[in-house]
Amino acid sequence: MVRPPVNDPVVIKRLLDVGAQSLLIPQVESAEEARAAVAATRYAPMGVRGVSALTRATRFGRVKDYATLAHTELCVLVQVESRQALEQIEEIASVKGVDGIFIGPGDLAASLGHPGDLNAPGVIEAVEEAIGRVCAAGKPAGILTTNPTFARRCIDLGTTFTAVGVDVGLLARGADAVAQSFRQQAAAAAAPATASGSSDAP
C-alpha cells in the first residue's frame, strides 16, 4: 500500500510506473476528486495515466498487454478526512473504480474542531457513522487508530482494513522501553552502593 502525498496524476503515474498496485489517495473531498484519482490510474480512454512502455511495472516491457490489463490489478482507496468529505461519502463511494474508503481520523478530528484529539466524542461518533455509511454503500471501509479498544469496535462495525499502529510510533515506544529497562538496571545497581554509603556516614 502506497500513499501518494497528493491526489495528483503525475505523482500517481510515477508510483504506478515503479510497480505500486495499491494506492491510498489522501484528502478526497468529493465524487469529482474521487473520479480524478481513479482516472489517474487508468490509461486512455478510461483515464489520463501517461503511457510509458519500459517501466519497472511492465518488467521493462516484458509484461504482455500491460496497458490493457493494468487497471484490473490495481486497488484504489481514497481517504475521507474532512467534514465536507463526510457529507459526500455516499457519492464518493459510488464512484466506479473506488475500491474502498479509508477514514483519516487525524485530519477529520481537526476538521470537526478537535485538532489532536482523535478520541473526542464528536470524532468517535463521526467515524463510527462513516463506517456504517461506507459499508451500507457496498464498499470496504478502513480506519487508523492506535487505541486497541476502538480498533476492535471499528472491526465489529465493519472495517475490513484496520491499521492499529504507526511505524515511527512503534519505533519510538520500542526505543523508550529499551532505554527504560537499562535505566532501571542502572538504578538497581547503584542502590546498594548508596545504601552502603549511608551506613558509613558519621
N, C-alpha and C. Protein backbone atom coordinates (compact mmCIF):
# COMPACT_ATOMS: atom_id res chain seq x y z
N MET A 1 0.85 -1.19 0.00
CA MET A 1 0.00 0.00 0.00
C MET A 1 0.88 1.24 0.00
N VAL A 2 0.69 2.10 -0.98
CA VAL A 2 1.49 3.32 -1.10
C VAL A 2 0.56 4.52 -1.03
N ARG A 3 0.95 5.49 -0.22
CA ARG A 3 0.15 6.71 -0.08
C ARG A 3 0.89 7.86 -0.76
N PRO A 4 0.38 8.31 -1.91
CA PRO A 4 0.99 9.49 -2.52
C PRO A 4 0.76 10.71 -1.64
N PRO A 5 1.60 11.72 -1.74
CA PRO A 5 1.42 12.90 -0.89
C PRO A 5 0.23 13.75 -1.29
N VAL A 6 -0.27 13.55 -2.51
CA VAL A 6 -1.36 14.39 -3.01
C VAL A 6 -2.07 13.64 -4.12
N ASN A 7 -3.31 14.00 -4.34
CA ASN A 7 -4.12 13.42 -5.42
C ASN A 7 -3.75 14.11 -6.72
N ASP A 8 -2.63 13.68 -7.30
CA ASP A 8 -2.08 14.33 -8.48
C ASP A 8 -1.71 13.26 -9.51
N PRO A 9 -2.14 13.41 -10.77
CA PRO A 9 -1.89 12.36 -11.77
C PRO A 9 -0.41 12.12 -12.07
N VAL A 10 0.42 13.15 -11.97
CA VAL A 10 1.85 12.97 -12.23
C VAL A 10 2.48 12.11 -11.14
N VAL A 11 2.16 12.43 -9.88
CA VAL A 11 2.70 11.66 -8.75
C VAL A 11 2.19 10.23 -8.81
N ILE A 12 0.90 10.06 -9.07
CA ILE A 12 0.30 8.72 -9.13
C ILE A 12 0.91 7.90 -10.25
N LYS A 13 1.13 8.53 -11.41
CA LYS A 13 1.75 7.81 -12.52
C LYS A 13 3.13 7.28 -12.14
N ARG A 14 3.92 8.10 -11.47
CA ARG A 14 5.27 7.67 -11.09
C ARG A 14 5.22 6.48 -10.15
N LEU A 15 4.28 6.49 -9.21
CA LEU A 15 4.17 5.36 -8.28
C LEU A 15 3.73 4.10 -9.00
N LEU A 16 2.78 4.25 -9.92
CA LEU A 16 2.33 3.09 -10.69
C LEU A 16 3.44 2.54 -11.58
N ASP A 17 4.20 3.44 -12.18
CA ASP A 17 5.25 3.01 -13.09
C ASP A 17 6.37 2.25 -12.39
N VAL A 18 6.58 2.53 -11.09
CA VAL A 18 7.61 1.77 -10.37
C VAL A 18 7.06 0.48 -9.78
N GLY A 19 5.74 0.26 -9.96
CA GLY A 19 5.19 -1.04 -9.58
C GLY A 19 4.16 -1.05 -8.48
N ALA A 20 3.80 0.10 -7.91
CA ALA A 20 2.77 0.13 -6.87
C ALA A 20 1.44 -0.35 -7.46
N GLN A 21 0.73 -1.18 -6.72
CA GLN A 21 -0.57 -1.68 -7.20
C GLN A 21 -1.73 -1.31 -6.28
N SER A 22 -1.42 -0.90 -5.06
CA SER A 22 -2.46 -0.46 -4.13
C SER A 22 -2.12 0.95 -3.67
N LEU A 23 -3.03 1.88 -3.94
CA LEU A 23 -2.80 3.29 -3.61
C LEU A 23 -3.84 3.77 -2.59
N LEU A 24 -3.38 4.61 -1.67
CA LEU A 24 -4.25 5.26 -0.70
C LEU A 24 -4.18 6.76 -0.97
N ILE A 25 -5.21 7.29 -1.59
CA ILE A 25 -5.21 8.67 -2.07
C ILE A 25 -5.74 9.60 -0.97
N PRO A 26 -4.95 10.58 -0.52
CA PRO A 26 -5.37 11.43 0.60
C PRO A 26 -6.32 12.55 0.19
N GLN A 27 -7.03 13.05 1.20
CA GLN A 27 -7.83 14.28 1.10
C GLN A 27 -8.76 14.30 -0.11
N VAL A 28 -9.53 13.24 -0.27
CA VAL A 28 -10.55 13.22 -1.32
C VAL A 28 -11.83 13.82 -0.73
N GLU A 29 -12.26 14.94 -1.30
CA GLU A 29 -13.35 15.72 -0.71
C GLU A 29 -14.68 15.55 -1.41
N SER A 30 -14.68 14.96 -2.61
CA SER A 30 -15.91 14.90 -3.38
C SER A 30 -15.84 13.76 -4.38
N ALA A 31 -16.99 13.47 -4.99
CA ALA A 31 -17.02 12.44 -6.03
C ALA A 31 -16.15 12.85 -7.22
N GLU A 32 -16.13 14.14 -7.52
CA GLU A 32 -15.29 14.64 -8.62
C GLU A 32 -13.81 14.34 -8.36
N GLU A 33 -13.36 14.57 -7.12
CA GLU A 33 -11.97 14.29 -6.79
C GLU A 33 -11.70 12.79 -6.77
N ALA A 34 -12.68 12.01 -6.39
CA ALA A 34 -12.53 10.56 -6.42
C ALA A 34 -12.40 10.07 -7.87
N ARG A 35 -13.21 10.64 -8.75
CA ARG A 35 -13.10 10.27 -10.17
C ARG A 35 -11.75 10.64 -10.74
N ALA A 36 -11.21 11.78 -10.31
CA ALA A 36 -9.88 12.21 -10.77
C ALA A 36 -8.82 11.23 -10.30
N ALA A 37 -8.95 10.74 -9.08
CA ALA A 37 -7.99 9.77 -8.55
C ALA A 37 -8.03 8.48 -9.36
N VAL A 38 -9.21 8.02 -9.64
CA VAL A 38 -9.35 6.80 -10.43
C VAL A 38 -8.81 7.01 -11.83
N ALA A 39 -9.12 8.15 -12.46
CA ALA A 39 -8.66 8.44 -13.81
C ALA A 39 -7.14 8.44 -13.89
N ALA A 40 -6.48 8.88 -12.82
CA ALA A 40 -5.02 8.91 -12.80
C ALA A 40 -4.40 7.52 -12.83
N THR A 41 -5.20 6.50 -12.52
CA THR A 41 -4.70 5.13 -12.52
C THR A 41 -5.07 4.36 -13.78
N ARG A 42 -5.77 5.00 -14.69
CA ARG A 42 -6.23 4.34 -15.91
C ARG A 42 -5.63 5.00 -17.15
N TYR A 43 -5.27 4.18 -18.11
CA TYR A 43 -4.86 4.71 -19.41
C TYR A 43 -6.09 5.15 -20.19
N ALA A 44 -5.90 6.05 -21.14
CA ALA A 44 -6.98 6.46 -22.03
C ALA A 44 -7.46 5.22 -22.81
N PRO A 45 -8.74 5.14 -23.11
CA PRO A 45 -9.76 6.19 -22.96
C PRO A 45 -10.44 6.21 -21.58
N MET A 46 -10.06 5.31 -20.67
CA MET A 46 -10.72 5.27 -19.37
C MET A 46 -10.18 6.31 -18.40
N GLY A 47 -8.96 6.82 -18.66
CA GLY A 47 -8.37 7.76 -17.73
C GLY A 47 -7.31 8.61 -18.36
N VAL A 48 -6.38 9.10 -17.54
CA VAL A 48 -5.39 10.06 -18.02
C VAL A 48 -3.95 9.63 -17.71
N ARG A 49 -3.76 8.41 -17.27
CA ARG A 49 -2.41 7.96 -16.96
C ARG A 49 -1.54 7.99 -18.22
N GLY A 50 -0.39 8.61 -18.10
CA GLY A 50 0.51 8.68 -19.24
C GLY A 50 1.14 7.34 -19.55
N VAL A 51 1.29 7.04 -20.83
CA VAL A 51 1.82 5.74 -21.27
C VAL A 51 3.34 5.77 -21.33
N SER A 52 3.94 4.78 -20.71
CA SER A 52 5.38 4.59 -20.80
C SER A 52 5.62 3.09 -20.77
N ALA A 53 6.09 2.54 -21.86
CA ALA A 53 6.13 1.09 -22.02
C ALA A 53 7.25 0.41 -21.24
N LEU A 54 8.36 1.09 -21.04
CA LEU A 54 9.53 0.44 -20.45
C LEU A 54 9.72 0.88 -18.99
N THR A 55 8.81 0.44 -18.15
CA THR A 55 8.86 0.79 -16.74
C THR A 55 9.06 -0.47 -15.90
N ARG A 56 9.37 -0.24 -14.64
CA ARG A 56 9.51 -1.39 -13.73
C ARG A 56 8.20 -2.16 -13.63
N ALA A 57 7.07 -1.44 -13.67
CA ALA A 57 5.76 -2.10 -13.57
C ALA A 57 5.52 -3.07 -14.72
N THR A 58 6.07 -2.77 -15.89
CA THR A 58 5.91 -3.66 -17.04
C THR A 58 7.05 -4.67 -17.14
N ARG A 59 7.88 -4.70 -16.07
CA ARG A 59 9.11 -5.51 -16.10
C ARG A 59 9.93 -5.12 -17.33
N PHE A 60 9.96 -3.80 -17.54
CA PHE A 60 10.74 -3.19 -18.62
C PHE A 60 10.36 -3.74 -19.99
N GLY A 61 9.01 -3.80 -20.20
CA GLY A 61 8.48 -4.19 -21.49
C GLY A 61 8.18 -5.66 -21.64
N ARG A 62 8.34 -6.42 -20.55
CA ARG A 62 8.15 -7.88 -20.65
C ARG A 62 6.73 -8.35 -20.34
N VAL A 63 5.89 -7.48 -19.75
CA VAL A 63 4.53 -7.88 -19.40
C VAL A 63 3.61 -7.65 -20.60
N LYS A 64 3.09 -8.74 -21.12
CA LYS A 64 2.24 -8.66 -22.31
C LYS A 64 0.90 -7.99 -21.96
N ASP A 65 0.46 -7.09 -22.82
CA ASP A 65 -0.84 -6.41 -22.68
C ASP A 65 -0.97 -5.62 -21.37
N TYR A 66 0.13 -5.13 -20.85
CA TYR A 66 0.08 -4.39 -19.59
C TYR A 66 -0.89 -3.21 -19.68
N ALA A 67 -0.84 -2.47 -20.78
CA ALA A 67 -1.65 -1.25 -20.89
C ALA A 67 -3.14 -1.53 -20.83
N THR A 68 -3.56 -2.69 -21.26
CA THR A 68 -4.99 -3.01 -21.25
C THR A 68 -5.41 -3.74 -19.98
N LEU A 69 -4.46 -4.32 -19.27
CA LEU A 69 -4.80 -5.13 -18.10
C LEU A 69 -4.43 -4.48 -16.76
N ALA A 70 -3.58 -3.47 -16.77
CA ALA A 70 -3.03 -2.93 -15.52
C ALA A 70 -4.12 -2.52 -14.54
N HIS A 71 -5.18 -1.85 -15.02
CA HIS A 71 -6.20 -1.33 -14.10
C HIS A 71 -6.95 -2.45 -13.38
N THR A 72 -6.96 -3.65 -13.96
CA THR A 72 -7.67 -4.77 -13.33
C THR A 72 -6.91 -5.31 -12.13
N GLU A 73 -5.64 -4.92 -11.99
CA GLU A 73 -4.81 -5.42 -10.90
C GLU A 73 -4.50 -4.34 -9.86
N LEU A 74 -5.19 -3.21 -9.97
CA LEU A 74 -4.95 -2.10 -9.05
C LEU A 74 -6.04 -2.01 -7.99
N CYS A 75 -5.67 -1.49 -6.83
CA CYS A 75 -6.62 -1.21 -5.76
C CYS A 75 -6.51 0.28 -5.44
N VAL A 76 -7.61 0.99 -5.62
CA VAL A 76 -7.63 2.43 -5.37
C VAL A 76 -8.50 2.71 -4.14
N LEU A 77 -7.84 3.13 -3.08
CA LEU A 77 -8.54 3.51 -1.86
C LEU A 77 -8.44 5.02 -1.70
N VAL A 78 -9.51 5.64 -1.27
CA VAL A 78 -9.50 7.09 -1.08
C VAL A 78 -9.72 7.42 0.39
N GLN A 79 -9.08 8.49 0.83
CA GLN A 79 -9.19 8.92 2.22
C GLN A 79 -10.25 10.00 2.38
N VAL A 80 -11.18 9.74 3.27
CA VAL A 80 -12.19 10.72 3.66
C VAL A 80 -11.75 11.26 5.01
N GLU A 81 -11.43 12.56 5.08
CA GLU A 81 -10.84 13.09 6.30
C GLU A 81 -11.20 14.55 6.56
N SER A 82 -12.42 14.91 6.20
CA SER A 82 -12.91 16.25 6.50
C SER A 82 -14.43 16.23 6.62
N ARG A 83 -14.97 17.30 7.22
CA ARG A 83 -16.43 17.40 7.34
C ARG A 83 -17.08 17.39 5.96
N GLN A 84 -16.47 18.12 5.01
CA GLN A 84 -17.02 18.19 3.66
C GLN A 84 -17.07 16.81 3.02
N ALA A 85 -16.00 16.05 3.19
CA ALA A 85 -15.96 14.71 2.61
C ALA A 85 -17.01 13.80 3.24
N LEU A 86 -17.19 13.91 4.56
CA LEU A 86 -18.20 13.10 5.23
C LEU A 86 -19.59 13.37 4.65
N GLU A 87 -19.86 14.62 4.34
CA GLU A 87 -21.17 14.98 3.81
C GLU A 87 -21.43 14.35 2.45
N GLN A 88 -20.36 13.96 1.75
CA GLN A 88 -20.50 13.41 0.40
C GLN A 88 -20.03 11.96 0.31
N ILE A 89 -20.01 11.28 1.44
CA ILE A 89 -19.37 9.97 1.47
C ILE A 89 -20.08 8.95 0.57
N GLU A 90 -21.40 9.01 0.47
CA GLU A 90 -22.11 8.08 -0.42
C GLU A 90 -21.75 8.35 -1.88
N GLU A 91 -21.68 9.63 -2.24
CA GLU A 91 -21.31 9.97 -3.63
C GLU A 91 -19.89 9.52 -3.94
N ILE A 92 -18.98 9.70 -2.99
CA ILE A 92 -17.61 9.24 -3.19
C ILE A 92 -17.57 7.72 -3.34
N ALA A 93 -18.31 7.03 -2.49
CA ALA A 93 -18.32 5.56 -2.53
C ALA A 93 -18.91 5.03 -3.83
N SER A 94 -19.78 5.80 -4.45
CA SER A 94 -20.44 5.32 -5.67
C SER A 94 -19.58 5.44 -6.92
N VAL A 95 -18.43 6.10 -6.81
CA VAL A 95 -17.58 6.30 -7.98
C VAL A 95 -16.99 4.97 -8.44
N LYS A 96 -17.18 4.65 -9.69
CA LYS A 96 -16.64 3.41 -10.25
C LYS A 96 -15.12 3.45 -10.22
N GLY A 97 -14.52 2.41 -9.71
CA GLY A 97 -13.06 2.37 -9.62
C GLY A 97 -12.54 2.65 -8.24
N VAL A 98 -13.38 3.23 -7.37
CA VAL A 98 -13.01 3.38 -5.96
C VAL A 98 -13.24 2.05 -5.28
N ASP A 99 -12.18 1.44 -4.79
CA ASP A 99 -12.27 0.10 -4.22
C ASP A 99 -12.51 0.08 -2.73
N GLY A 100 -12.40 1.21 -2.07
CA GLY A 100 -12.64 1.28 -0.64
C GLY A 100 -12.41 2.68 -0.14
N ILE A 101 -12.91 2.95 1.08
CA ILE A 101 -12.77 4.28 1.67
C ILE A 101 -12.12 4.15 3.04
N PHE A 102 -11.04 4.91 3.20
CA PHE A 102 -10.29 4.95 4.45
C PHE A 102 -10.62 6.24 5.17
N ILE A 103 -11.04 6.13 6.41
CA ILE A 103 -11.40 7.32 7.18
C ILE A 103 -10.16 7.79 7.92
N GLY A 104 -9.68 9.00 7.58
CA GLY A 104 -8.47 9.54 8.19
C GLY A 104 -8.81 10.30 9.46
N PRO A 105 -8.57 9.72 10.63
CA PRO A 105 -9.07 10.32 11.88
C PRO A 105 -8.36 11.60 12.30
N GLY A 106 -7.08 11.75 11.99
CA GLY A 106 -6.35 12.93 12.44
C GLY A 106 -6.87 14.21 11.81
N ASP A 107 -6.92 14.23 10.50
CA ASP A 107 -7.42 15.42 9.81
C ASP A 107 -8.92 15.59 10.04
N LEU A 108 -9.62 14.46 10.17
CA LEU A 108 -11.05 14.55 10.43
C LEU A 108 -11.31 15.22 11.78
N ALA A 109 -10.53 14.83 12.79
CA ALA A 109 -10.69 15.44 14.11
C ALA A 109 -10.47 16.95 14.03
N ALA A 110 -9.44 17.38 13.31
CA ALA A 110 -9.17 18.81 13.17
C ALA A 110 -10.32 19.50 12.44
N SER A 111 -10.82 18.87 11.38
CA SER A 111 -11.90 19.45 10.60
C SER A 111 -13.16 19.61 11.44
N LEU A 112 -13.35 18.71 12.41
CA LEU A 112 -14.54 18.76 13.26
C LEU A 112 -14.35 19.64 14.50
N GLY A 113 -13.18 20.32 14.56
CA GLY A 113 -12.94 21.24 15.66
C GLY A 113 -12.23 20.65 16.85
N HIS A 114 -11.59 19.48 16.67
CA HIS A 114 -10.88 18.82 17.77
C HIS A 114 -9.45 18.46 17.34
N PRO A 115 -8.63 19.44 16.96
CA PRO A 115 -7.28 19.12 16.49
C PRO A 115 -6.47 18.38 17.54
N GLY A 116 -5.92 17.24 17.14
CA GLY A 116 -5.08 16.46 18.04
C GLY A 116 -5.84 15.55 18.98
N ASP A 117 -7.17 15.65 19.01
CA ASP A 117 -7.96 14.83 19.93
C ASP A 117 -8.81 13.84 19.14
N LEU A 118 -8.20 12.71 18.80
CA LEU A 118 -8.90 11.71 17.99
C LEU A 118 -9.97 10.98 18.79
N ASN A 119 -9.91 11.11 20.12
CA ASN A 119 -10.87 10.41 20.96
C ASN A 119 -12.01 11.30 21.44
N ALA A 120 -12.10 12.50 20.90
CA ALA A 120 -13.21 13.37 21.26
C ALA A 120 -14.53 12.71 20.87
N PRO A 121 -15.56 12.83 21.71
CA PRO A 121 -16.83 12.15 21.41
C PRO A 121 -17.37 12.45 20.02
N GLY A 122 -17.30 13.69 19.58
CA GLY A 122 -17.80 14.01 18.25
C GLY A 122 -17.04 13.31 17.14
N VAL A 123 -15.75 13.12 17.36
CA VAL A 123 -14.92 12.44 16.36
C VAL A 123 -15.25 10.95 16.32
N ILE A 124 -15.31 10.34 17.49
CA ILE A 124 -15.64 8.92 17.57
C ILE A 124 -16.98 8.64 16.90
N GLU A 125 -17.96 9.46 17.20
CA GLU A 125 -19.29 9.27 16.61
C GLU A 125 -19.25 9.43 15.09
N ALA A 126 -18.50 10.41 14.61
CA ALA A 126 -18.41 10.64 13.17
C ALA A 126 -17.75 9.46 12.47
N VAL A 127 -16.70 8.92 13.08
CA VAL A 127 -16.00 7.77 12.49
C VAL A 127 -16.93 6.57 12.44
N GLU A 128 -17.60 6.30 13.55
CA GLU A 128 -18.49 5.14 13.60
C GLU A 128 -19.62 5.27 12.58
N GLU A 129 -20.18 6.46 12.47
CA GLU A 129 -21.25 6.67 11.49
C GLU A 129 -20.72 6.51 10.06
N ALA A 130 -19.52 7.03 9.81
CA ALA A 130 -18.94 6.93 8.47
C ALA A 130 -18.71 5.48 8.08
N ILE A 131 -18.23 4.67 9.02
CA ILE A 131 -18.02 3.25 8.74
C ILE A 131 -19.33 2.60 8.29
N GLY A 132 -20.39 2.89 9.02
CA GLY A 132 -21.69 2.33 8.66
C GLY A 132 -22.16 2.78 7.29
N ARG A 133 -21.94 4.04 6.96
CA ARG A 133 -22.38 4.57 5.68
C ARG A 133 -21.59 3.98 4.52
N VAL A 134 -20.28 3.80 4.73
CA VAL A 134 -19.46 3.19 3.68
C VAL A 134 -19.89 1.75 3.45
N CYS A 135 -20.08 1.01 4.54
CA CYS A 135 -20.50 -0.39 4.41
C CYS A 135 -21.86 -0.48 3.74
N ALA A 136 -22.77 0.42 4.10
CA ALA A 136 -24.10 0.42 3.50
C ALA A 136 -24.03 0.71 2.01
N ALA A 137 -23.01 1.48 1.60
CA ALA A 137 -22.83 1.79 0.18
C ALA A 137 -22.18 0.64 -0.58
N GLY A 138 -21.80 -0.40 0.13
CA GLY A 138 -21.24 -1.58 -0.52
C GLY A 138 -19.76 -1.53 -0.78
N LYS A 139 -19.05 -0.64 -0.09
CA LYS A 139 -17.61 -0.53 -0.28
C LYS A 139 -16.89 -0.90 1.03
N PRO A 140 -15.69 -1.46 0.94
CA PRO A 140 -14.90 -1.73 2.15
C PRO A 140 -14.53 -0.43 2.85
N ALA A 141 -14.54 -0.49 4.18
CA ALA A 141 -14.19 0.67 4.99
C ALA A 141 -12.92 0.39 5.78
N GLY A 142 -12.10 1.44 5.96
CA GLY A 142 -10.86 1.29 6.71
C GLY A 142 -10.68 2.44 7.68
N ILE A 143 -9.79 2.24 8.64
CA ILE A 143 -9.53 3.25 9.67
C ILE A 143 -8.14 3.04 10.22
N LEU A 144 -7.56 4.09 10.78
CA LEU A 144 -6.31 4.01 11.54
C LEU A 144 -6.61 4.45 12.96
N THR A 145 -6.26 3.62 13.93
CA THR A 145 -6.35 4.00 15.33
C THR A 145 -5.32 3.22 16.12
N THR A 146 -4.70 3.88 17.07
CA THR A 146 -3.74 3.19 17.94
C THR A 146 -4.40 2.80 19.26
N ASN A 147 -5.71 2.99 19.34
CA ASN A 147 -6.48 2.61 20.51
C ASN A 147 -7.02 1.19 20.28
N PRO A 148 -6.50 0.17 20.96
CA PRO A 148 -6.91 -1.21 20.71
C PRO A 148 -8.41 -1.43 20.90
N THR A 149 -8.99 -0.79 21.91
CA THR A 149 -10.41 -0.96 22.16
C THR A 149 -11.24 -0.40 21.01
N PHE A 150 -10.86 0.79 20.54
CA PHE A 150 -11.60 1.38 19.43
C PHE A 150 -11.35 0.62 18.13
N ALA A 151 -10.16 0.08 17.96
CA ALA A 151 -9.88 -0.72 16.76
C ALA A 151 -10.82 -1.92 16.70
N ARG A 152 -11.00 -2.59 17.83
CA ARG A 152 -11.91 -3.74 17.86
C ARG A 152 -13.35 -3.29 17.61
N ARG A 153 -13.71 -2.12 18.13
CA ARG A 153 -15.04 -1.57 17.90
C ARG A 153 -15.26 -1.32 16.40
N CYS A 154 -14.26 -0.76 15.74
CA CYS A 154 -14.36 -0.48 14.30
C CYS A 154 -14.49 -1.77 13.50
N ILE A 155 -13.73 -2.78 13.89
CA ILE A 155 -13.83 -4.07 13.20
C ILE A 155 -15.22 -4.65 13.37
N ASP A 156 -15.77 -4.54 14.57
CA ASP A 156 -17.14 -5.02 14.80
C ASP A 156 -18.15 -4.25 13.96
N LEU A 157 -17.87 -2.97 13.71
CA LEU A 157 -18.77 -2.15 12.91
C LEU A 157 -18.64 -2.44 11.42
N GLY A 158 -17.54 -3.10 11.02
CA GLY A 158 -17.43 -3.50 9.62
C GLY A 158 -16.17 -3.13 8.88
N THR A 159 -15.18 -2.49 9.55
CA THR A 159 -13.95 -2.18 8.82
C THR A 159 -13.25 -3.47 8.40
N THR A 160 -12.77 -3.48 7.18
CA THR A 160 -12.08 -4.67 6.67
C THR A 160 -10.60 -4.43 6.45
N PHE A 161 -10.15 -3.18 6.57
CA PHE A 161 -8.72 -2.91 6.65
C PHE A 161 -8.54 -1.88 7.76
N THR A 162 -7.89 -2.34 8.84
CA THR A 162 -7.82 -1.58 10.08
C THR A 162 -6.37 -1.46 10.51
N ALA A 163 -5.83 -0.26 10.41
CA ALA A 163 -4.44 -0.03 10.84
C ALA A 163 -4.44 0.22 12.34
N VAL A 164 -3.60 -0.50 13.06
CA VAL A 164 -3.60 -0.43 14.52
C VAL A 164 -2.27 0.06 15.09
N GLY A 165 -1.42 0.58 14.24
CA GLY A 165 -0.14 1.12 14.70
C GLY A 165 0.50 1.94 13.59
N VAL A 166 1.46 2.76 13.99
CA VAL A 166 2.22 3.59 13.05
C VAL A 166 3.69 3.26 13.23
N ASP A 167 4.40 3.07 12.13
CA ASP A 167 5.78 2.58 12.21
C ASP A 167 6.67 3.42 13.13
N VAL A 168 6.63 4.74 12.96
CA VAL A 168 7.51 5.58 13.77
C VAL A 168 7.08 5.57 15.24
N GLY A 169 5.78 5.43 15.49
CA GLY A 169 5.31 5.34 16.87
C GLY A 169 5.77 4.05 17.53
N LEU A 170 5.69 2.94 16.79
CA LEU A 170 6.16 1.66 17.31
C LEU A 170 7.66 1.71 17.59
N LEU A 171 8.41 2.36 16.68
CA LEU A 171 9.86 2.50 16.86
C LEU A 171 10.16 3.34 18.11
N ALA A 172 9.44 4.45 18.27
CA ALA A 172 9.69 5.33 19.42
C ALA A 172 9.37 4.62 20.74
N ARG A 173 8.24 3.92 20.79
CA ARG A 173 7.87 3.22 22.02
C ARG A 173 8.84 2.08 22.31
N GLY A 174 9.30 1.39 21.26
CA GLY A 174 10.28 0.33 21.46
C GLY A 174 11.58 0.88 22.00
N ALA A 175 12.02 2.03 21.47
CA ALA A 175 13.25 2.66 21.96
C ALA A 175 13.08 3.11 23.41
N ASP A 176 11.92 3.66 23.74
CA ASP A 176 11.65 4.08 25.12
C ASP A 176 11.72 2.89 26.07
N ALA A 177 11.15 1.75 25.65
CA ALA A 177 11.13 0.56 26.50
C ALA A 177 12.54 0.04 26.76
N VAL A 178 13.38 0.04 25.70
CA VAL A 178 14.76 -0.41 25.87
C VAL A 178 15.51 0.53 26.80
N ALA A 179 15.37 1.83 26.58
CA ALA A 179 16.06 2.81 27.43
C ALA A 179 15.61 2.67 28.89
N GLN A 180 14.32 2.50 29.11
CA GLN A 180 13.80 2.40 30.46
C GLN A 180 14.32 1.16 31.17
N SER A 181 14.44 0.04 30.44
CA SER A 181 14.94 -1.18 31.07
C SER A 181 16.39 -1.01 31.54
N PHE A 182 17.20 -0.27 30.77
CA PHE A 182 18.59 -0.04 31.19
C PHE A 182 18.67 0.98 32.32
N ARG A 183 17.78 1.97 32.32
CA ARG A 183 17.75 2.92 33.44
C ARG A 183 17.41 2.20 34.75
N GLN A 184 16.46 1.27 34.66
CA GLN A 184 16.08 0.51 35.85
C GLN A 184 17.24 -0.36 36.33
N GLN A 185 17.95 -0.97 35.38
CA GLN A 185 19.10 -1.80 35.74
C GLN A 185 20.19 -0.95 36.40
N ALA A 186 20.45 0.25 35.84
CA ALA A 186 21.47 1.13 36.40
C ALA A 186 21.06 1.61 37.79
N ALA A 187 19.77 1.90 37.97
CA ALA A 187 19.29 2.35 39.28
C ALA A 187 19.41 1.24 40.31
N ALA A 188 19.11 0.00 39.89
CA ALA A 188 19.21 -1.13 40.82
C ALA A 188 20.65 -1.38 41.22
N ALA A 189 21.57 -1.23 40.26
CA ALA A 189 22.99 -1.45 40.56
C ALA A 189 23.53 -0.37 41.49
N ALA A 190 23.02 0.83 41.37
CA ALA A 190 23.51 1.94 42.20
C ALA A 190 22.92 1.92 43.60
N ALA A 191 21.79 1.27 43.76
CA ALA A 191 21.09 1.29 45.04
C ALA A 191 21.92 0.72 46.19
N PRO A 192 22.58 -0.46 46.08
CA PRO A 192 23.37 -0.98 47.22
C PRO A 192 24.50 -0.06 47.63
N ALA A 193 25.16 0.54 46.61
CA ALA A 193 26.27 1.45 46.90
C ALA A 193 25.77 2.66 47.68
N THR A 194 24.62 3.14 47.32
CA THR A 194 24.05 4.29 48.03
C THR A 194 23.69 3.92 49.45
N ALA A 195 23.11 2.72 49.59
CA ALA A 195 22.76 2.26 50.95
C ALA A 195 23.98 2.07 51.81
N SER A 196 25.04 1.50 51.20
CA SER A 196 26.31 1.28 51.94
C SER A 196 26.94 2.59 52.36
N GLY A 197 26.90 3.55 51.44
CA GLY A 197 27.48 4.86 51.75
C GLY A 197 26.74 5.53 52.89
N SER A 198 25.40 5.30 52.93
CA SER A 198 24.62 5.92 54.01
C SER A 198 24.95 5.34 55.37
N SER A 199 25.23 4.02 55.43
CA SER A 199 25.50 3.38 56.70
C SER A 199 26.86 3.77 57.28
N ASP A 200 27.81 4.19 56.40
CA ASP A 200 29.13 4.58 56.84
C ASP A 200 29.20 6.03 57.28
N ALA A 201 28.14 6.73 57.07
CA ALA A 201 28.16 8.16 57.40
C ALA A 201 28.23 8.36 58.92
N PRO A 202 28.94 9.35 59.40
CA PRO A 202 29.06 9.59 60.83
C PRO A 202 27.73 10.00 61.43
